[in-house]
N, C-alpha and C. Protein backbone atom coordinates (compact mmCIF):
# COMPACT_ATOMS: atom_id res chain seq x y z
N MET A 1 -36.82 54.40 58.66
CA MET A 1 -36.18 53.07 59.32
C MET A 1 -34.91 53.68 60.20
N ARG A 2 -35.35 53.30 61.56
CA ARG A 2 -33.83 53.37 62.56
C ARG A 2 -33.37 51.89 63.37
N ILE A 3 -32.17 52.14 62.82
CA ILE A 3 -31.26 51.01 63.07
C ILE A 3 -31.16 51.27 64.57
N HIS A 4 -31.10 50.01 65.08
CA HIS A 4 -30.57 49.80 66.83
C HIS A 4 -29.19 49.54 66.42
N HIS A 5 -28.54 50.23 67.61
CA HIS A 5 -26.98 49.56 68.41
C HIS A 5 -26.84 48.23 68.23
N ARG A 6 -28.00 47.73 68.52
CA ARG A 6 -28.07 45.58 68.96
C ARG A 6 -27.68 45.20 67.85
N THR A 7 -28.91 45.66 66.81
CA THR A 7 -29.20 44.50 65.71
C THR A 7 -27.72 44.66 65.25
N VAL A 8 -26.60 46.11 65.07
CA VAL A 8 -25.80 46.49 64.58
C VAL A 8 -24.71 45.42 65.06
N ALA A 9 -24.78 45.70 66.30
CA ALA A 9 -23.74 44.70 67.38
C ALA A 9 -23.64 43.36 66.64
N ALA A 10 -24.92 43.15 66.99
CA ALA A 10 -24.91 41.46 66.81
C ALA A 10 -25.09 40.89 65.19
N SER A 11 -24.97 41.99 64.37
CA SER A 11 -25.19 41.46 63.09
C SER A 11 -23.13 41.59 62.47
N LEU A 12 -22.53 42.16 63.11
CA LEU A 12 -21.03 42.72 63.15
C LEU A 12 -20.42 41.30 64.03
N LEU A 13 -21.03 40.86 65.07
CA LEU A 13 -20.67 39.59 66.11
C LEU A 13 -21.19 38.96 64.98
N ALA A 14 -22.01 38.29 64.34
CA ALA A 14 -22.38 37.04 63.68
C ALA A 14 -21.87 36.78 62.25
N MET A 15 -21.48 38.23 61.65
CA MET A 15 -20.28 37.86 60.48
C MET A 15 -18.90 38.07 61.14
N ALA A 16 -18.24 37.82 62.30
CA ALA A 16 -16.99 37.48 63.02
C ALA A 16 -16.83 35.90 63.13
N LEU A 17 -18.22 35.84 63.43
CA LEU A 17 -17.86 34.10 64.00
C LEU A 17 -17.93 33.41 62.51
N MET A 18 -18.69 33.93 61.82
CA MET A 18 -18.92 33.09 60.36
C MET A 18 -17.67 32.93 59.63
N LEU A 19 -16.46 34.25 59.90
CA LEU A 19 -15.74 34.52 59.30
C LEU A 19 -14.43 33.82 60.41
N ALA A 20 -14.44 33.62 61.20
CA ALA A 20 -13.30 32.58 62.38
C ALA A 20 -14.07 31.10 61.78
N MET A 21 -15.31 30.88 61.57
CA MET A 21 -15.41 29.44 61.72
C MET A 21 -15.11 29.51 60.08
N THR A 22 -14.95 30.24 59.16
CA THR A 22 -14.82 30.05 57.62
C THR A 22 -12.91 29.32 57.42
N VAL A 23 -12.03 30.26 58.47
CA VAL A 23 -10.62 30.55 58.72
C VAL A 23 -10.56 28.53 59.34
N CYS A 24 -10.89 28.79 59.97
CA CYS A 24 -10.99 27.27 60.83
C CYS A 24 -11.14 25.89 60.34
N LEU A 25 -12.16 26.02 59.65
CA LEU A 25 -12.17 25.09 58.63
C LEU A 25 -11.75 24.64 57.68
N GLY A 26 -11.23 25.97 56.88
CA GLY A 26 -10.01 25.93 55.75
C GLY A 26 -8.85 25.20 56.04
N ARG A 27 -8.21 25.90 57.76
CA ARG A 27 -7.15 25.29 58.05
C ARG A 27 -7.14 23.58 58.47
N LEU A 28 -8.30 23.60 59.05
CA LEU A 28 -8.79 21.77 59.13
C LEU A 28 -8.76 21.25 57.93
N ARG A 29 -9.43 21.56 56.79
CA ARG A 29 -9.31 21.04 55.51
C ARG A 29 -7.89 20.95 54.96
N GLU A 30 -6.73 22.30 55.09
CA GLU A 30 -5.26 22.14 54.54
C GLU A 30 -4.90 20.70 55.74
N GLY A 31 -5.07 20.88 56.71
CA GLY A 31 -4.39 19.85 58.11
C GLY A 31 -4.69 18.40 57.57
N GLN A 32 -6.09 18.04 57.05
CA GLN A 32 -6.66 16.90 56.34
C GLN A 32 -6.19 16.43 54.82
N GLY A 33 -6.68 17.48 54.09
CA GLY A 33 -6.19 17.10 52.43
C GLY A 33 -4.64 17.20 52.34
N GLY A 34 -4.49 18.48 52.91
CA GLY A 34 -2.90 19.49 53.01
C GLY A 34 -1.89 17.83 52.57
N TRP A 35 -2.42 17.00 53.12
CA TRP A 35 -1.04 15.64 52.81
C TRP A 35 -1.53 14.74 52.01
N ASP A 36 -2.62 14.69 51.41
CA ASP A 36 -2.92 13.51 50.93
C ASP A 36 -1.96 13.22 49.72
N ILE A 37 -1.28 11.82 49.79
CA ILE A 37 -0.60 11.63 48.71
C ILE A 37 -1.16 10.40 47.80
N GLY A 38 -2.33 10.00 48.27
CA GLY A 38 -2.94 8.93 47.72
C GLY A 38 -2.75 7.68 48.98
N ASP A 39 -3.83 6.77 48.23
CA ASP A 39 -3.88 5.42 49.17
C ASP A 39 -2.82 4.20 49.03
N TRP A 40 -1.77 4.34 49.95
CA TRP A 40 -0.70 3.51 49.51
C TRP A 40 -0.44 2.34 50.65
N SER A 41 -1.76 1.99 51.26
CA SER A 41 -1.76 0.75 52.10
C SER A 41 -1.50 -0.31 51.62
N GLN A 42 -2.23 -0.23 49.84
CA GLN A 42 -2.04 -1.70 49.27
C GLN A 42 0.08 -2.22 49.12
N VAL A 43 0.62 -0.96 49.31
CA VAL A 43 2.00 -1.34 49.13
C VAL A 43 2.62 -1.91 50.53
N ASP A 44 3.46 -2.83 50.00
CA ASP A 44 3.79 -3.82 51.32
C ASP A 44 5.10 -2.78 51.40
N ALA A 45 5.73 -2.30 52.15
CA ALA A 45 6.91 -1.14 52.87
C ALA A 45 7.87 -2.19 52.34
N ALA A 46 7.88 -3.70 52.95
CA ALA A 46 9.34 -4.92 53.15
C ALA A 46 9.24 -5.27 51.98
N GLN A 47 8.25 -5.56 51.03
CA GLN A 47 8.48 -5.69 49.94
C GLN A 47 9.24 -4.67 48.95
N ALA A 48 8.44 -3.62 49.05
CA ALA A 48 8.80 -2.56 48.30
C ALA A 48 10.48 -2.35 48.83
N GLU A 49 11.09 -2.42 49.65
CA GLU A 49 12.26 -2.39 50.27
C GLU A 49 13.11 -3.36 49.64
N GLN A 50 12.52 -4.63 49.91
CA GLN A 50 13.31 -5.83 49.21
C GLN A 50 13.40 -5.49 47.44
N ALA A 51 12.12 -5.04 46.94
CA ALA A 51 12.42 -4.59 45.32
C ALA A 51 13.48 -3.69 45.48
N PHE A 52 13.44 -2.70 46.19
CA PHE A 52 14.79 -1.27 45.93
C PHE A 52 15.91 -2.15 46.04
N ALA A 53 16.55 -3.32 47.05
CA ALA A 53 17.20 -3.67 46.97
C ALA A 53 17.97 -4.89 46.63
N ASN A 54 16.82 -5.23 45.29
CA ASN A 54 17.47 -6.04 44.33
C ASN A 54 18.11 -5.17 43.05
N THR A 55 17.25 -4.05 42.67
CA THR A 55 17.26 -3.34 41.62
C THR A 55 18.50 -1.84 41.92
N GLN A 56 18.24 -1.65 42.75
CA GLN A 56 19.00 -0.23 43.40
C GLN A 56 18.11 0.55 42.21
N GLY A 57 17.09 0.56 41.91
CA GLY A 57 16.37 1.66 40.78
C GLY A 57 15.88 2.96 41.40
N ASN A 58 15.45 3.65 40.50
CA ASN A 58 15.23 4.80 40.92
C ASN A 58 13.12 4.83 40.79
N ALA A 59 13.12 4.35 40.13
CA ALA A 59 11.26 3.70 40.74
C ALA A 59 11.05 3.09 41.65
N GLU A 60 11.58 1.79 42.14
CA GLU A 60 11.99 1.47 43.08
C GLU A 60 12.16 2.15 44.29
N LEU A 61 12.66 3.61 44.26
CA LEU A 61 13.41 4.06 45.79
C LEU A 61 11.91 5.17 45.60
N VAL A 62 11.55 5.73 44.62
CA VAL A 62 10.54 6.65 44.33
C VAL A 62 9.40 5.82 45.32
N THR A 63 8.42 4.69 44.75
CA THR A 63 7.33 3.64 44.89
C THR A 63 7.96 3.76 46.70
N LEU A 64 9.36 3.05 47.27
CA LEU A 64 9.61 2.87 48.50
C LEU A 64 9.45 3.80 49.33
N VAL A 65 9.79 5.04 48.61
CA VAL A 65 9.47 6.38 49.72
C VAL A 65 8.35 6.92 50.03
N HIS A 66 7.50 6.66 48.72
CA HIS A 66 6.54 7.08 48.91
C HIS A 66 5.46 6.08 49.86
N ALA A 67 6.05 4.94 50.03
CA ALA A 67 5.28 3.85 50.76
C ALA A 67 5.13 4.03 52.11
N LEU A 68 6.87 4.31 52.75
CA LEU A 68 7.35 4.71 53.65
C LEU A 68 6.71 6.51 54.08
N ALA A 69 6.78 7.05 53.19
CA ALA A 69 6.09 8.00 53.93
C ALA A 69 4.77 8.15 53.93
N TRP A 70 3.71 7.24 53.09
CA TRP A 70 2.00 7.50 53.51
C TRP A 70 2.52 6.10 55.10
N ARG A 71 3.04 5.57 55.41
CA ARG A 71 2.75 4.81 56.59
C ARG A 71 2.97 5.48 57.74
N ALA A 72 4.43 6.74 57.70
CA ALA A 72 5.02 7.26 58.65
C ALA A 72 3.80 8.02 59.22
N LYS A 73 3.12 9.29 57.99
CA LYS A 73 1.95 9.59 58.11
C LYS A 73 1.05 9.58 58.39
N THR A 74 0.41 8.26 57.82
CA THR A 74 -1.05 8.05 58.06
C THR A 74 -1.06 7.42 59.20
N LEU A 75 -0.33 6.33 59.63
CA LEU A 75 -0.01 5.31 60.67
C LEU A 75 1.04 5.86 61.27
N ASP A 76 1.65 6.63 61.77
CA ASP A 76 2.55 7.00 62.54
C ASP A 76 3.62 6.12 63.07
N GLU A 77 3.87 5.78 62.18
CA GLU A 77 4.72 4.20 62.23
C GLU A 77 5.78 4.50 62.59
N ASP A 78 6.67 4.66 64.05
CA ASP A 78 8.06 5.30 63.86
C ASP A 78 9.34 4.06 63.21
N ASP A 79 8.92 2.86 63.11
CA ASP A 79 9.89 2.61 62.22
C ASP A 79 9.89 2.73 60.43
N SER A 80 8.62 3.07 60.16
CA SER A 80 8.56 3.76 58.82
C SER A 80 9.59 5.11 58.73
N ALA A 81 8.98 5.94 60.01
CA ALA A 81 9.86 7.04 59.57
C ALA A 81 11.26 7.00 59.77
N ALA A 82 11.65 6.17 60.13
CA ALA A 82 13.36 5.89 60.59
C ALA A 82 13.64 5.95 59.03
N LYS A 83 12.71 4.92 58.51
CA LYS A 83 13.35 4.33 57.27
C LYS A 83 13.32 5.13 55.78
N LEU A 84 12.15 6.14 56.59
CA LEU A 84 11.84 7.29 55.56
C LEU A 84 13.05 8.31 55.78
N TYR A 85 13.36 8.35 56.61
CA TYR A 85 14.96 9.22 56.82
C TYR A 85 15.99 8.62 55.85
N THR A 86 16.12 7.52 55.93
CA THR A 86 17.35 6.51 55.37
C THR A 86 17.18 6.95 53.57
N TYR A 87 16.38 6.19 53.24
CA TYR A 87 15.53 6.24 51.74
C TYR A 87 15.28 7.55 51.46
N GLY A 88 14.91 8.52 52.03
CA GLY A 88 14.52 9.68 51.88
C GLY A 88 15.85 10.14 51.60
N GLN A 89 16.88 10.03 51.90
CA GLN A 89 17.76 10.90 52.16
C GLN A 89 18.98 10.67 50.80
N LEU A 90 18.88 9.40 50.67
CA LEU A 90 19.34 8.78 49.12
C LEU A 90 18.75 9.48 48.25
N LEU A 91 17.00 9.61 48.62
CA LEU A 91 16.31 10.25 47.07
C LEU A 91 17.17 11.52 47.14
N LEU A 92 16.70 12.18 48.09
CA LEU A 92 17.78 13.30 47.83
C LEU A 92 18.95 13.84 47.15
N ASP A 93 20.37 12.31 47.55
CA ASP A 93 20.92 12.73 47.26
C ASP A 93 21.23 12.01 45.60
N ARG A 94 20.05 10.85 45.26
CA ARG A 94 20.44 10.77 44.18
C ARG A 94 19.75 12.00 43.20
N ALA A 95 18.63 12.99 43.54
CA ALA A 95 18.49 13.85 43.18
C ALA A 95 19.57 15.37 42.47
N ARG A 96 20.28 15.42 43.88
CA ARG A 96 21.76 16.38 43.53
C ARG A 96 22.36 15.90 42.74
N ALA A 97 22.43 14.78 42.61
CA ALA A 97 23.48 14.02 41.75
C ALA A 97 23.48 13.96 40.27
N GLY A 98 22.03 14.29 40.26
CA GLY A 98 21.05 14.39 38.40
C GLY A 98 21.19 13.10 38.41
N VAL A 99 20.95 12.00 38.84
CA VAL A 99 20.70 10.38 39.05
C VAL A 99 19.07 10.35 38.89
N ILE A 100 18.34 10.87 39.35
CA ILE A 100 16.69 11.19 38.86
C ILE A 100 16.48 12.45 39.31
N ASP A 101 15.58 13.09 38.54
CA ASP A 101 14.64 14.09 37.95
C ASP A 101 13.60 13.47 39.05
N LEU A 102 13.37 14.58 40.17
CA LEU A 102 12.14 14.61 40.69
C LEU A 102 11.07 15.16 40.23
N GLU A 103 11.08 16.04 39.21
CA GLU A 103 9.85 16.34 38.73
C GLU A 103 9.28 15.91 37.79
N ASN A 104 9.56 14.55 37.37
CA ASN A 104 9.35 13.88 36.23
C ASN A 104 8.94 12.86 37.41
N ALA A 105 9.16 12.09 38.18
CA ALA A 105 9.40 10.59 39.21
C ALA A 105 7.84 10.29 39.39
N GLY A 106 6.90 11.36 38.89
CA GLY A 106 5.44 11.48 39.79
C GLY A 106 4.54 12.28 39.58
N ASP A 107 3.34 12.88 40.26
CA ASP A 107 2.94 13.70 39.96
C ASP A 107 3.44 14.69 41.13
N PRO A 108 4.00 15.75 40.42
CA PRO A 108 4.58 16.55 41.16
C PRO A 108 4.24 17.39 42.53
N ASP A 109 2.79 17.71 42.56
CA ASP A 109 1.69 17.78 44.13
C ASP A 109 2.52 16.94 45.01
N CYS A 110 2.18 15.22 44.24
CA CYS A 110 2.46 14.42 45.31
C CYS A 110 4.08 14.18 45.63
N MET A 111 4.82 14.31 44.86
CA MET A 111 6.13 14.59 44.98
C MET A 111 6.45 16.06 46.13
N LEU A 112 6.09 16.32 46.22
CA LEU A 112 6.35 17.42 47.12
C LEU A 112 5.85 17.81 48.23
N ARG A 113 4.83 16.96 48.18
CA ARG A 113 3.92 16.57 49.79
C ARG A 113 5.37 15.35 50.37
N VAL A 114 5.17 14.27 49.09
CA VAL A 114 6.76 13.14 50.00
C VAL A 114 8.41 13.96 50.47
N LEU A 115 8.21 14.82 50.01
CA LEU A 115 9.36 15.81 50.04
C LEU A 115 9.59 15.75 51.43
N GLU A 116 8.13 16.46 51.57
CA GLU A 116 8.19 17.26 52.71
C GLU A 116 8.35 16.35 53.92
N ALA A 117 7.45 15.06 54.14
CA ALA A 117 7.92 14.49 55.21
C ALA A 117 9.28 13.99 55.09
N VAL A 118 9.85 13.69 53.69
CA VAL A 118 11.24 13.50 54.32
C VAL A 118 12.30 14.13 55.36
N ARG A 119 11.92 15.29 54.65
CA ARG A 119 12.58 16.81 55.39
C ARG A 119 12.48 17.22 56.57
N ASP A 120 10.57 15.93 56.74
CA ASP A 120 10.38 16.20 58.27
C ASP A 120 11.25 14.93 59.39
N THR A 121 11.60 14.27 58.21
CA THR A 121 12.81 13.38 59.57
C THR A 121 13.62 13.72 59.65
N GLY A 122 14.50 15.01 58.99
CA GLY A 122 15.70 15.38 59.28
C GLY A 122 16.65 15.23 58.29
N ALA A 123 16.07 14.83 57.60
CA ALA A 123 16.83 14.31 55.84
C ALA A 123 17.37 16.02 55.48
N LYS A 124 18.20 16.08 54.49
CA LYS A 124 18.66 17.27 54.23
C LYS A 124 19.14 17.01 52.33
């Protein structure tokens, strides 16, 4: 049985194209699903902000930061991004001071994505 160079070249090209498509689809999925923190559309950011203002509680702050992160990332709201910087910085400050344990403040994977969104605003 004789193998033609064209057949080998075509097979190699097909495998290279399949590999490239696999890599591209993987990156696309990471971009879409990599930031999924769940659906926070039902949380009214203004009400969450008011609840935090009333209590100054960690649970309310975490809820507010999650809602703002979702709105900033999913809806691309500039106002939410600005507030995310402020409240996200407060959350980071509380974590540094030992006032809140972010590992136990909710789903760790979700919290990591939210903290990435906070840091994207420039908070440190």
